[in-house]
N, C-alpha and C. Protein backbone atom coordinates (compact mmCIF):
# COMPACT_ATOMS: atom_id res chain seq x y z
N MET A 1 0.85 -1.19 0.00
CA MET A 1 0.00 0.00 0.00
C MET A 1 0.90 1.25 0.00
N THR A 2 0.60 2.13 -0.99
CA THR A 2 1.41 3.33 -1.12
C THR A 2 0.90 4.41 -0.20
N ARG A 3 1.84 4.97 0.50
CA ARG A 3 1.45 6.03 1.43
C ARG A 3 1.89 7.38 0.87
N HIS A 4 1.07 8.37 0.92
CA HIS A 4 1.38 9.71 0.42
C HIS A 4 1.62 10.65 1.59
N ARG A 5 2.63 11.43 1.40
CA ARG A 5 2.91 12.44 2.42
C ARG A 5 1.93 13.59 2.26
N PRO A 6 1.44 14.10 3.31
CA PRO A 6 0.47 15.22 3.26
C PRO A 6 1.07 16.42 2.53
N GLY A 7 0.30 16.96 1.58
CA GLY A 7 0.72 18.19 0.88
C GLY A 7 1.61 17.95 -0.30
N SER A 8 2.05 16.67 -0.57
CA SER A 8 2.97 16.42 -1.68
C SER A 8 2.31 16.70 -3.02
N SER A 9 1.04 16.37 -3.21
CA SER A 9 0.33 16.61 -4.47
C SER A 9 0.19 18.10 -4.73
N THR A 10 -0.05 18.85 -3.69
CA THR A 10 -0.19 20.30 -3.85
C THR A 10 1.11 20.93 -4.30
N ARG A 11 2.25 20.43 -3.73
CA ARG A 11 3.54 21.00 -4.12
C ARG A 11 3.87 20.67 -5.56
N ARG A 12 3.56 19.40 -6.01
CA ARG A 12 3.84 19.03 -7.39
C ARG A 12 3.00 19.85 -8.36
N ALA A 13 1.75 20.09 -8.03
CA ALA A 13 0.88 20.87 -8.90
C ALA A 13 1.37 22.32 -8.99
N SER A 14 1.86 22.80 -7.85
CA SER A 14 2.34 24.18 -7.83
C SER A 14 3.60 24.35 -8.66
N SER A 15 4.52 23.32 -8.58
CA SER A 15 5.77 23.43 -9.32
C SER A 15 5.57 23.28 -10.81
N ALA A 16 4.49 22.66 -11.24
CA ALA A 16 4.22 22.46 -12.66
C ALA A 16 3.40 23.60 -13.26
N ARG A 17 3.11 24.62 -12.49
CA ARG A 17 2.28 25.72 -12.95
C ARG A 17 2.95 26.45 -14.11
N GLY A 18 2.20 26.85 -15.19
CA GLY A 18 2.75 27.56 -16.34
C GLY A 18 2.79 29.07 -16.11
N PHE A 19 3.11 29.81 -17.21
CA PHE A 19 3.14 31.27 -17.13
C PHE A 19 1.73 31.83 -17.13
N THR A 20 1.58 32.93 -16.44
CA THR A 20 0.29 33.62 -16.49
C THR A 20 0.26 34.52 -17.72
N LEU A 21 -0.90 35.02 -18.08
CA LEU A 21 -1.03 35.91 -19.23
C LEU A 21 -0.24 37.20 -19.04
N VAL A 22 -0.18 37.67 -17.82
CA VAL A 22 0.57 38.90 -17.54
C VAL A 22 2.06 38.67 -17.79
N GLU A 23 2.58 37.52 -17.32
CA GLU A 23 3.99 37.22 -17.53
C GLU A 23 4.31 37.07 -19.01
N LEU A 24 3.44 36.38 -19.75
CA LEU A 24 3.65 36.24 -21.19
C LEU A 24 3.62 37.59 -21.90
N ALA A 25 2.69 38.46 -21.48
CA ALA A 25 2.61 39.78 -22.09
C ALA A 25 3.89 40.57 -21.85
N ILE A 26 4.45 40.45 -20.65
CA ILE A 26 5.70 41.16 -20.33
C ILE A 26 6.84 40.65 -21.20
N VAL A 27 6.94 39.33 -21.35
CA VAL A 27 8.01 38.74 -22.17
C VAL A 27 7.89 39.18 -23.62
N VAL A 28 6.65 39.11 -24.15
CA VAL A 28 6.42 39.52 -25.55
C VAL A 28 6.78 40.99 -25.74
N THR A 29 6.42 41.83 -24.77
CA THR A 29 6.73 43.26 -24.86
C THR A 29 8.23 43.50 -24.88
N ILE A 30 8.96 42.81 -24.02
CA ILE A 30 10.42 42.96 -23.96
C ILE A 30 11.05 42.52 -25.28
N ILE A 31 10.59 41.37 -25.81
CA ILE A 31 11.12 40.88 -27.09
C ILE A 31 10.84 41.90 -28.20
N GLY A 32 9.64 42.48 -28.20
CA GLY A 32 9.30 43.48 -29.21
C GLY A 32 10.19 44.70 -29.14
N ILE A 33 10.47 45.17 -27.91
CA ILE A 33 11.34 46.33 -27.73
C ILE A 33 12.75 46.04 -28.23
N LEU A 34 13.28 44.87 -27.85
CA LEU A 34 14.63 44.49 -28.29
C LEU A 34 14.70 44.36 -29.81
N ALA A 35 13.64 43.79 -30.42
CA ALA A 35 13.62 43.65 -31.87
C ALA A 35 13.60 45.01 -32.55
N THR A 36 12.82 45.95 -31.99
CA THR A 36 12.75 47.29 -32.57
C THR A 36 14.10 47.99 -32.50
N ILE A 37 14.76 47.88 -31.35
CA ILE A 37 16.08 48.49 -31.19
C ILE A 37 17.06 47.87 -32.18
N GLY A 38 17.01 46.55 -32.34
CA GLY A 38 17.91 45.87 -33.25
C GLY A 38 17.68 46.29 -34.70
N ILE A 39 16.43 46.37 -35.11
CA ILE A 39 16.12 46.76 -36.48
C ILE A 39 16.58 48.19 -36.75
N TYR A 40 16.35 49.09 -35.79
CA TYR A 40 16.76 50.49 -35.96
C TYR A 40 18.28 50.59 -36.05
N SER A 41 18.99 49.80 -35.24
CA SER A 41 20.45 49.84 -35.27
C SER A 41 20.98 49.35 -36.61
N VAL A 42 20.39 48.29 -37.13
CA VAL A 42 20.80 47.77 -38.45
C VAL A 42 20.50 48.80 -39.53
N TYR A 43 19.33 49.44 -39.43
CA TYR A 43 18.93 50.45 -40.40
C TYR A 43 19.94 51.60 -40.42
N LYS A 44 20.33 52.09 -39.23
CA LYS A 44 21.30 53.17 -39.16
C LYS A 44 22.64 52.75 -39.73
N TYR A 45 23.03 51.52 -39.46
CA TYR A 45 24.31 51.02 -39.98
C TYR A 45 24.30 51.00 -41.51
N ILE A 46 23.19 50.54 -42.10
CA ILE A 46 23.08 50.47 -43.55
C ILE A 46 23.14 51.86 -44.16
N GLN A 47 22.43 52.82 -43.55
CA GLN A 47 22.41 54.18 -44.08
C GLN A 47 23.81 54.81 -44.03
N HIS A 48 24.50 54.62 -42.92
CA HIS A 48 25.84 55.19 -42.80
C HIS A 48 26.82 54.48 -43.74
N ALA A 49 26.63 53.20 -43.97
CA ALA A 49 27.49 52.48 -44.92
C ALA A 49 27.31 53.03 -46.32
N LYS A 50 26.06 53.32 -46.69
CA LYS A 50 25.81 53.91 -48.01
C LYS A 50 26.41 55.31 -48.11
N ALA A 51 26.32 56.06 -47.03
CA ALA A 51 26.83 57.43 -47.04
C ALA A 51 28.35 57.49 -47.11
N SER A 52 29.02 56.40 -46.80
CA SER A 52 30.48 56.39 -46.88
C SER A 52 30.95 56.61 -48.31
N GLU A 53 30.13 56.19 -49.28
CA GLU A 53 30.46 56.45 -50.69
C GLU A 53 30.56 57.95 -50.93
N ALA A 54 29.55 58.70 -50.45
CA ALA A 54 29.53 60.15 -50.67
C ALA A 54 30.72 60.82 -50.01
N ALA A 55 31.06 60.40 -48.80
CA ALA A 55 32.20 61.00 -48.11
C ALA A 55 33.49 60.78 -48.90
N GLU A 56 33.62 59.59 -49.48
CA GLU A 56 34.83 59.28 -50.24
C GLU A 56 34.91 60.11 -51.52
N ILE A 57 33.79 60.18 -52.26
CA ILE A 57 33.83 60.88 -53.55
C ILE A 57 33.87 62.39 -53.36
N VAL A 58 33.13 62.92 -52.40
CA VAL A 58 33.22 64.36 -52.11
C VAL A 58 34.66 64.72 -51.73
N GLY A 59 35.29 63.88 -50.94
CA GLY A 59 36.69 64.10 -50.57
C GLY A 59 37.60 64.04 -51.78
N SER A 60 37.32 63.13 -52.72
CA SER A 60 38.14 63.02 -53.94
C SER A 60 37.98 64.26 -54.82
N ILE A 61 36.75 64.78 -54.93
CA ILE A 61 36.52 65.99 -55.72
C ILE A 61 37.23 67.18 -55.09
N LYS A 62 37.18 67.27 -53.76
CA LYS A 62 37.90 68.34 -53.07
C LYS A 62 39.40 68.26 -53.35
N ALA A 63 39.97 67.07 -53.26
CA ALA A 63 41.40 66.91 -53.52
C ALA A 63 41.73 67.26 -54.96
N GLY A 64 40.83 66.86 -55.89
CA GLY A 64 41.05 67.18 -57.29
C GLY A 64 41.00 68.68 -57.55
N GLN A 65 40.07 69.37 -56.91
CA GLN A 65 39.99 70.82 -57.08
C GLN A 65 41.25 71.52 -56.55
N GLU A 66 41.77 71.04 -55.43
CA GLU A 66 42.97 71.65 -54.87
C GLU A 66 44.17 71.42 -55.79
N ALA A 67 44.27 70.21 -56.36
CA ALA A 67 45.37 69.93 -57.28
C ALA A 67 45.24 70.77 -58.55
N TYR A 68 44.01 70.94 -59.02
CA TYR A 68 43.75 71.76 -60.21
C TYR A 68 44.12 73.22 -59.93
N TYR A 69 43.80 73.69 -58.73
CA TYR A 69 44.13 75.07 -58.37
C TYR A 69 45.64 75.29 -58.30
N ASP A 70 46.35 74.28 -57.80
CA ASP A 70 47.81 74.41 -57.71
C ASP A 70 48.45 74.58 -59.09
N GLU A 71 47.81 74.02 -60.12
CA GLU A 71 48.37 74.09 -61.47
C GLU A 71 47.87 75.31 -62.26
N THR A 72 46.62 75.72 -62.01
CA THR A 72 46.00 76.75 -62.85
C THR A 72 45.64 78.03 -62.09
N PHE A 73 45.76 78.01 -60.77
CA PHE A 73 45.40 79.14 -59.90
C PHE A 73 43.91 79.49 -59.99
N GLN A 74 43.11 78.49 -60.29
CA GLN A 74 41.66 78.65 -60.27
C GLN A 74 41.02 77.28 -60.08
N TYR A 75 39.77 77.29 -59.59
CA TYR A 75 39.04 76.04 -59.44
C TYR A 75 38.23 75.78 -60.71
N LEU A 76 37.92 74.52 -60.95
CA LEU A 76 37.25 74.12 -62.18
C LEU A 76 35.74 74.07 -61.98
N PRO A 77 34.96 74.95 -62.64
CA PRO A 77 33.49 74.85 -62.57
C PRO A 77 33.01 73.57 -63.26
N ILE A 78 32.01 72.94 -62.67
CA ILE A 78 31.47 71.69 -63.22
C ILE A 78 30.02 71.91 -63.65
N GLY A 79 29.68 71.43 -64.83
CA GLY A 79 28.27 71.42 -65.25
C GLY A 79 27.62 72.77 -65.27
N ALA A 80 28.20 73.72 -66.01
CA ALA A 80 27.65 75.09 -66.10
C ALA A 80 27.61 75.77 -64.74
N ASN A 81 28.38 75.24 -63.80
CA ASN A 81 28.54 75.85 -62.48
C ASN A 81 27.21 76.03 -61.75
N SER A 82 26.40 74.99 -61.75
CA SER A 82 25.12 75.02 -61.03
C SER A 82 25.10 73.90 -60.00
N PRO A 83 24.68 74.19 -58.76
CA PRO A 83 24.64 73.14 -57.73
C PRO A 83 23.58 72.08 -57.98
N THR A 84 22.68 72.32 -58.93
CA THR A 84 21.64 71.34 -59.24
C THR A 84 21.90 70.60 -60.55
N ASN A 85 23.06 70.81 -61.14
CA ASN A 85 23.46 70.01 -62.31
C ASN A 85 24.22 68.79 -61.79
N TYR A 86 23.48 67.73 -61.54
CA TYR A 86 24.05 66.56 -60.88
C TYR A 86 24.66 65.59 -61.89
N TYR A 87 25.62 64.84 -61.40
CA TYR A 87 26.23 63.78 -62.18
C TYR A 87 26.37 62.54 -61.28
N PRO A 88 26.09 61.35 -61.81
CA PRO A 88 25.74 61.02 -63.19
C PRO A 88 24.26 61.08 -63.51
N ALA A 89 23.39 61.50 -62.57
CA ALA A 89 21.96 61.60 -62.83
C ALA A 89 21.34 62.46 -61.74
N SER A 90 20.06 62.76 -61.89
CA SER A 90 19.34 63.53 -60.88
C SER A 90 19.05 62.67 -59.66
N PRO A 91 19.17 63.22 -58.45
CA PRO A 91 18.84 62.44 -57.25
C PRO A 91 17.36 62.11 -57.15
N ALA A 92 16.52 62.77 -57.95
CA ALA A 92 15.09 62.48 -57.92
C ALA A 92 14.75 61.18 -58.64
N SER A 93 15.69 60.66 -59.42
CA SER A 93 15.42 59.44 -60.20
C SER A 93 15.81 58.19 -59.43
N ALA A 94 15.07 57.94 -58.32
CA ALA A 94 15.27 56.74 -57.51
C ALA A 94 16.73 56.55 -57.10
N SER A 95 17.38 57.64 -56.71
CA SER A 95 18.82 57.56 -56.41
C SER A 95 19.13 56.67 -55.23
N GLY A 96 18.17 56.51 -54.32
CA GLY A 96 18.45 55.67 -53.16
C GLY A 96 18.39 54.19 -53.43
N LYS A 97 17.90 53.82 -54.60
CA LYS A 97 17.75 52.40 -54.92
C LYS A 97 18.54 51.97 -56.15
N ILE A 98 18.83 52.93 -57.04
CA ILE A 98 19.47 52.60 -58.30
C ILE A 98 20.89 53.15 -58.34
N LYS A 99 21.85 52.29 -58.55
CA LYS A 99 23.23 52.72 -58.73
C LYS A 99 23.51 52.95 -60.22
N ILE A 100 24.28 53.98 -60.52
CA ILE A 100 24.61 54.32 -61.90
C ILE A 100 26.13 54.32 -62.05
N GLN A 101 26.59 53.75 -63.14
CA GLN A 101 28.01 53.68 -63.40
C GLN A 101 28.58 55.06 -63.70
N TRP A 102 29.64 55.42 -63.03
CA TRP A 102 30.31 56.69 -63.29
C TRP A 102 30.90 56.65 -64.70
N GLY A 103 30.74 57.72 -65.43
CA GLY A 103 31.23 57.77 -66.80
C GLY A 103 30.13 57.72 -67.83
N GLU A 104 28.90 57.38 -67.38
CA GLU A 104 27.76 57.36 -68.29
C GLU A 104 27.35 58.79 -68.64
N PRO A 105 26.79 59.01 -69.85
CA PRO A 105 26.27 60.34 -70.19
C PRO A 105 25.19 60.76 -69.21
N SER A 106 25.23 62.00 -68.77
CA SER A 106 24.25 62.47 -67.79
C SER A 106 22.94 62.84 -68.46
N PRO A 107 21.80 62.36 -67.92
CA PRO A 107 20.50 62.71 -68.48
C PRO A 107 19.96 64.03 -67.94
N THR A 108 20.72 64.72 -67.12
CA THR A 108 20.21 65.93 -66.47
C THR A 108 20.73 67.21 -67.12
N GLY A 109 21.39 67.10 -68.25
CA GLY A 109 21.92 68.30 -68.89
C GLY A 109 23.27 68.72 -68.35
N CYS A 110 23.89 67.86 -67.58
CA CYS A 110 25.22 68.16 -67.03
C CYS A 110 26.27 67.87 -68.11
N THR A 111 26.33 68.76 -69.10
CA THR A 111 27.17 68.56 -70.27
C THR A 111 28.65 68.50 -69.90
N ASN A 112 29.32 67.48 -70.39
CA ASN A 112 30.76 67.30 -70.19
C ASN A 112 31.16 67.11 -68.73
N CYS A 113 30.18 66.80 -67.87
CA CYS A 113 30.52 66.64 -66.45
C CYS A 113 31.50 65.50 -66.23
N GLY A 114 31.27 64.38 -66.91
CA GLY A 114 32.18 63.25 -66.75
C GLY A 114 33.59 63.61 -67.12
N THR A 115 33.74 64.36 -68.23
CA THR A 115 35.06 64.79 -68.68
C THR A 115 35.69 65.76 -67.68
N GLN A 116 34.87 66.65 -67.13
CA GLN A 116 35.39 67.63 -66.18
C GLN A 116 35.82 66.97 -64.88
N TYR A 117 35.03 66.00 -64.39
CA TYR A 117 35.45 65.28 -63.19
C TYR A 117 36.71 64.46 -63.45
N ALA A 118 36.82 63.93 -64.67
CA ALA A 118 38.02 63.18 -65.02
C ALA A 118 39.25 64.09 -65.00
N ALA A 119 39.06 65.36 -65.38
CA ALA A 119 40.17 66.31 -65.33
C ALA A 119 40.65 66.55 -63.91
N LEU A 120 39.75 66.30 -62.96
CA LEU A 120 40.12 66.42 -61.54
C LEU A 120 40.65 65.10 -60.99
N GLY A 121 40.68 64.08 -61.83
CA GLY A 121 41.16 62.78 -61.38
C GLY A 121 40.11 61.98 -60.63
N VAL A 122 38.83 62.35 -60.78
CA VAL A 122 37.74 61.66 -60.09
C VAL A 122 37.13 60.66 -61.05
N LEU A 123 37.45 59.39 -60.85
CA LEU A 123 36.99 58.32 -61.74
C LEU A 123 36.63 57.08 -60.91
N PRO A 124 35.53 57.12 -60.16
CA PRO A 124 35.15 55.95 -59.35
C PRO A 124 34.92 54.73 -60.24
N ALA A 125 35.42 53.60 -59.79
CA ALA A 125 35.29 52.37 -60.59
C ALA A 125 33.93 51.72 -60.40
N ALA A 126 33.33 51.89 -59.23
CA ALA A 126 32.06 51.22 -58.93
C ALA A 126 30.88 52.16 -59.19
N PRO A 127 29.71 51.60 -59.48
CA PRO A 127 28.51 52.43 -59.63
C PRO A 127 28.22 53.19 -58.34
N VAL A 128 27.56 54.35 -58.47
CA VAL A 128 27.33 55.22 -57.32
C VAL A 128 25.84 55.34 -57.02
N ILE A 129 25.53 55.52 -55.75
CA ILE A 129 24.14 55.68 -55.32
C ILE A 129 23.83 57.13 -54.98
N PHE A 130 24.87 57.95 -54.79
CA PHE A 130 24.69 59.39 -54.61
C PHE A 130 24.90 60.09 -55.95
N ARG A 131 24.33 61.30 -56.08
CA ARG A 131 24.51 62.14 -57.26
C ARG A 131 25.29 63.38 -56.83
N TYR A 132 26.18 63.87 -57.70
CA TYR A 132 27.15 64.87 -57.28
C TYR A 132 27.09 66.15 -58.11
N SER A 133 27.36 67.28 -57.45
CA SER A 133 27.48 68.56 -58.13
C SER A 133 28.60 69.35 -57.48
N CYS A 134 29.11 70.31 -58.22
CA CYS A 134 30.20 71.13 -57.69
C CYS A 134 30.04 72.56 -58.20
N TYR A 135 30.02 73.48 -57.26
CA TYR A 135 29.85 74.91 -57.57
C TYR A 135 31.14 75.65 -57.22
N VAL A 136 31.55 76.55 -58.10
CA VAL A 136 32.77 77.33 -57.88
C VAL A 136 32.40 78.80 -57.79
N GLY A 137 32.94 79.48 -56.79
CA GLY A 137 32.67 80.90 -56.61
C GLY A 137 33.96 81.70 -56.48
N ILE A 138 33.88 82.98 -56.73
CA ILE A 138 35.03 83.86 -56.64
C ILE A 138 35.10 84.49 -55.25
N ALA A 139 36.21 85.14 -54.96
CA ALA A 139 36.34 85.85 -53.70
C ALA A 139 35.23 86.90 -53.60
N GLY A 140 34.58 86.96 -52.46
CA GLY A 140 33.45 87.85 -52.27
C GLY A 140 32.12 87.20 -52.57
N GLY A 141 32.15 85.97 -53.11
CA GLY A 141 30.93 85.25 -53.43
C GLY A 141 30.28 84.64 -52.20
N ASN A 142 29.06 84.17 -52.37
CA ASN A 142 28.29 83.59 -51.26
C ASN A 142 28.30 82.06 -51.39
N PRO A 143 28.89 81.34 -50.43
CA PRO A 143 28.93 79.88 -50.53
C PRO A 143 27.57 79.22 -50.44
N ASN A 144 26.59 79.93 -49.90
CA ASN A 144 25.24 79.37 -49.86
C ASN A 144 24.65 79.18 -51.25
N ASP A 145 25.19 79.91 -52.23
CA ASP A 145 24.74 79.74 -53.61
C ASP A 145 25.12 78.36 -54.15
N GLY A 146 26.05 77.69 -53.48
CA GLY A 146 26.48 76.38 -53.93
C GLY A 146 25.71 75.23 -53.33
N VAL A 147 24.73 75.52 -52.46
CA VAL A 147 23.93 74.48 -51.81
C VAL A 147 22.68 74.22 -52.66
N PRO A 148 22.43 72.98 -53.05
CA PRO A 148 21.25 72.69 -53.88
C PRO A 148 19.95 73.01 -53.15
N SER A 149 18.96 73.47 -53.90
CA SER A 149 17.65 73.74 -53.34
C SER A 149 16.75 72.53 -53.55
N GLY A 150 15.68 72.46 -52.76
CA GLY A 150 14.67 71.43 -52.97
C GLY A 150 15.03 70.06 -52.44
N ILE A 151 16.05 69.95 -51.59
CA ILE A 151 16.42 68.63 -51.07
C ILE A 151 16.14 68.52 -49.57
N GLY A 152 15.65 69.60 -48.97
CA GLY A 152 15.32 69.55 -47.54
C GLY A 152 16.51 69.66 -46.63
N ALA A 153 17.62 70.22 -47.13
CA ALA A 153 18.83 70.36 -46.32
C ALA A 153 19.00 71.81 -45.89
N THR A 154 19.65 71.99 -44.76
CA THR A 154 19.98 73.32 -44.24
C THR A 154 21.41 73.65 -44.63
N SER A 155 21.62 74.82 -45.16
CA SER A 155 22.98 75.19 -45.57
C SER A 155 23.91 75.25 -44.37
N PRO A 156 25.03 74.53 -44.42
CA PRO A 156 26.00 74.61 -43.32
C PRO A 156 26.87 75.87 -43.40
N TYR A 157 26.64 76.68 -44.45
CA TYR A 157 27.45 77.88 -44.65
C TYR A 157 26.65 79.15 -44.39
N SER A 158 25.53 79.03 -43.68
CA SER A 158 24.64 80.16 -43.47
C SER A 158 25.30 81.30 -42.71
N GLY A 159 26.37 81.01 -41.99
CA GLY A 159 27.05 82.07 -41.24
C GLY A 159 27.97 82.91 -42.10
N THR A 160 28.15 82.52 -43.37
CA THR A 160 29.04 83.25 -44.27
C THR A 160 28.26 83.68 -45.51
N THR A 161 28.27 84.95 -45.80
CA THR A 161 27.57 85.46 -46.99
C THR A 161 28.54 86.01 -48.04
N ALA A 162 29.78 86.23 -47.63
CA ALA A 162 30.78 86.73 -48.58
C ALA A 162 32.15 86.19 -48.16
N THR A 163 32.82 85.51 -49.05
CA THR A 163 34.11 84.92 -48.74
C THR A 163 35.24 85.90 -49.04
N THR A 164 36.39 85.60 -48.51
CA THR A 164 37.58 86.42 -48.79
C THR A 164 38.50 85.73 -49.78
N GLN A 165 38.06 84.61 -50.34
CA GLN A 165 38.88 83.85 -51.27
C GLN A 165 37.99 83.09 -52.25
N ALA A 166 38.58 82.65 -53.34
CA ALA A 166 37.86 81.77 -54.26
C ALA A 166 37.50 80.49 -53.52
N PHE A 167 36.40 79.86 -53.92
CA PHE A 167 35.94 78.68 -53.18
C PHE A 167 35.19 77.73 -54.10
N TYR A 168 34.94 76.56 -53.58
CA TYR A 168 34.08 75.58 -54.24
C TYR A 168 33.22 74.90 -53.18
N VAL A 169 32.06 74.42 -53.60
CA VAL A 169 31.17 73.65 -52.74
C VAL A 169 30.83 72.36 -53.48
N VAL A 170 31.15 71.23 -52.88
CA VAL A 170 30.88 69.93 -53.48
C VAL A 170 29.70 69.29 -52.76
N ASN A 171 28.74 68.77 -53.52
CA ASN A 171 27.53 68.19 -52.94
C ASN A 171 27.33 66.75 -53.38
N GLY A 172 26.93 65.92 -52.44
CA GLY A 172 26.50 64.56 -52.73
C GLY A 172 25.08 64.39 -52.20
N VAL A 173 24.13 64.04 -53.08
CA VAL A 173 22.72 63.97 -52.71
C VAL A 173 22.13 62.64 -53.13
N SER A 174 21.33 62.03 -52.25
CA SER A 174 20.66 60.77 -52.59
C SER A 174 19.38 60.63 -51.79
N ASP A 175 18.40 59.99 -52.41
CA ASP A 175 17.13 59.73 -51.72
C ASP A 175 17.20 58.35 -51.06
N LEU A 176 18.02 58.24 -50.02
CA LEU A 176 18.24 56.95 -49.38
C LEU A 176 16.97 56.38 -48.77
N LEU A 177 16.10 57.26 -48.29
CA LEU A 177 14.87 56.80 -47.65
C LEU A 177 13.79 56.45 -48.66
N GLY A 178 13.95 56.92 -49.88
CA GLY A 178 12.99 56.63 -50.92
C GLY A 178 11.67 57.36 -50.78
N ASP A 179 11.68 58.48 -50.03
CA ASP A 179 10.43 59.21 -49.81
C ASP A 179 10.42 60.59 -50.45
N GLY A 180 11.42 60.89 -51.24
CA GLY A 180 11.44 62.16 -51.96
C GLY A 180 12.12 63.30 -51.23
N ALA A 181 11.85 63.49 -49.97
CA ALA A 181 12.48 64.57 -49.20
C ALA A 181 12.17 64.36 -47.72
N PRO A 182 13.06 64.81 -46.82
CA PRO A 182 14.36 65.39 -47.16
C PRO A 182 15.35 64.33 -47.63
N MET A 183 16.24 64.74 -48.49
CA MET A 183 17.20 63.79 -49.04
C MET A 183 18.46 63.76 -48.19
N SER A 184 19.18 62.65 -48.30
CA SER A 184 20.46 62.53 -47.60
C SER A 184 21.48 63.42 -48.31
N TYR A 185 22.28 64.11 -47.53
CA TYR A 185 23.12 65.17 -48.09
C TYR A 185 24.49 65.17 -47.44
N VAL A 186 25.54 65.18 -48.28
CA VAL A 186 26.92 65.29 -47.81
C VAL A 186 27.57 66.42 -48.61
N THR A 187 28.22 67.35 -47.92
CA THR A 187 28.83 68.48 -48.61
C THR A 187 30.20 68.79 -48.04
N GLY A 188 31.05 69.36 -48.88
CA GLY A 188 32.39 69.75 -48.46
C GLY A 188 32.85 70.96 -49.24
N THR A 189 33.77 71.72 -48.68
CA THR A 189 34.26 72.94 -49.30
C THR A 189 35.67 73.22 -48.81
N ASN A 190 36.39 74.06 -49.55
CA ASN A 190 37.71 74.47 -49.09
C ASN A 190 37.62 75.47 -47.95
N LEU A 191 36.41 75.96 -47.67
CA LEU A 191 36.22 76.92 -46.58
C LEU A 191 36.11 76.25 -45.22
N MET A 192 35.87 74.92 -45.22
CA MET A 192 35.75 74.16 -43.98
C MET A 192 36.57 72.88 -44.10
N GLY A 193 37.18 72.46 -43.01
CA GLY A 193 38.00 71.27 -43.06
C GLY A 193 37.19 69.98 -43.11
N ASP A 194 36.10 69.93 -42.36
CA ASP A 194 35.31 68.71 -42.25
C ASP A 194 34.15 68.71 -43.23
N LEU A 195 33.69 67.50 -43.57
CA LEU A 195 32.48 67.36 -44.37
C LEU A 195 31.26 67.54 -43.47
N ASN A 196 30.17 67.94 -44.06
CA ASN A 196 28.90 68.09 -43.34
C ASN A 196 27.91 67.11 -43.94
N SER A 197 27.20 66.36 -43.09
CA SER A 197 26.20 65.41 -43.57
C SER A 197 24.87 65.65 -42.85
N GLN A 198 23.78 65.43 -43.58
CA GLN A 198 22.44 65.63 -43.02
C GLN A 198 21.50 64.54 -43.50
N ASN A 199 20.51 64.23 -42.66
CA ASN A 199 19.44 63.29 -43.01
C ASN A 199 19.97 61.90 -43.38
N ILE A 200 20.91 61.43 -42.59
CA ILE A 200 21.48 60.10 -42.82
C ILE A 200 21.30 59.26 -41.56
N GLY A 201 20.59 58.14 -41.69
CA GLY A 201 20.37 57.24 -40.56
C GLY A 201 19.52 57.84 -39.48
N GLN A 202 18.49 58.63 -39.86
CA GLN A 202 17.64 59.28 -38.87
C GLN A 202 16.35 58.50 -38.69
């Protein structure tokens, strides 16, 4: 005859008890929060990885302009010297999703832009996801004139309206988010040492 100790069945039933709905809800909420943080971190990493292309090419154009100035004592205007004459295409044409090979004829009216960038030694081997423009101004000019309009960016040169030297403004623009505006923007100039970037990984 099997003898049972008093209370043993109650203890076994208690130890086998499952999660309550409140506990499950808490676990699901925590997992959701962690997943959201992880997705956002990956998203920011991807955006910054894409923007590294712009930083590299804007830096190359800056170096090319400086080398050109050392030889000719002037900077080279690109594409009729308009900040909205982009190469190799317009940033409005799905620039955040479509890469275009550097060296292709520009559909935006940027006549001879490929040849002019080549004169600066700028010849990227890989297709690009950003679109580029370069504006050249004389001493006394306004560097804000070199910032493209309609991209949702704030001019980083708003504190300067007249320079004391010749200058250039190089722009890299892409619709990384695919929503039209504001666009991702990287810019550099001989008036500032560092590049300025906006609307990247936000």
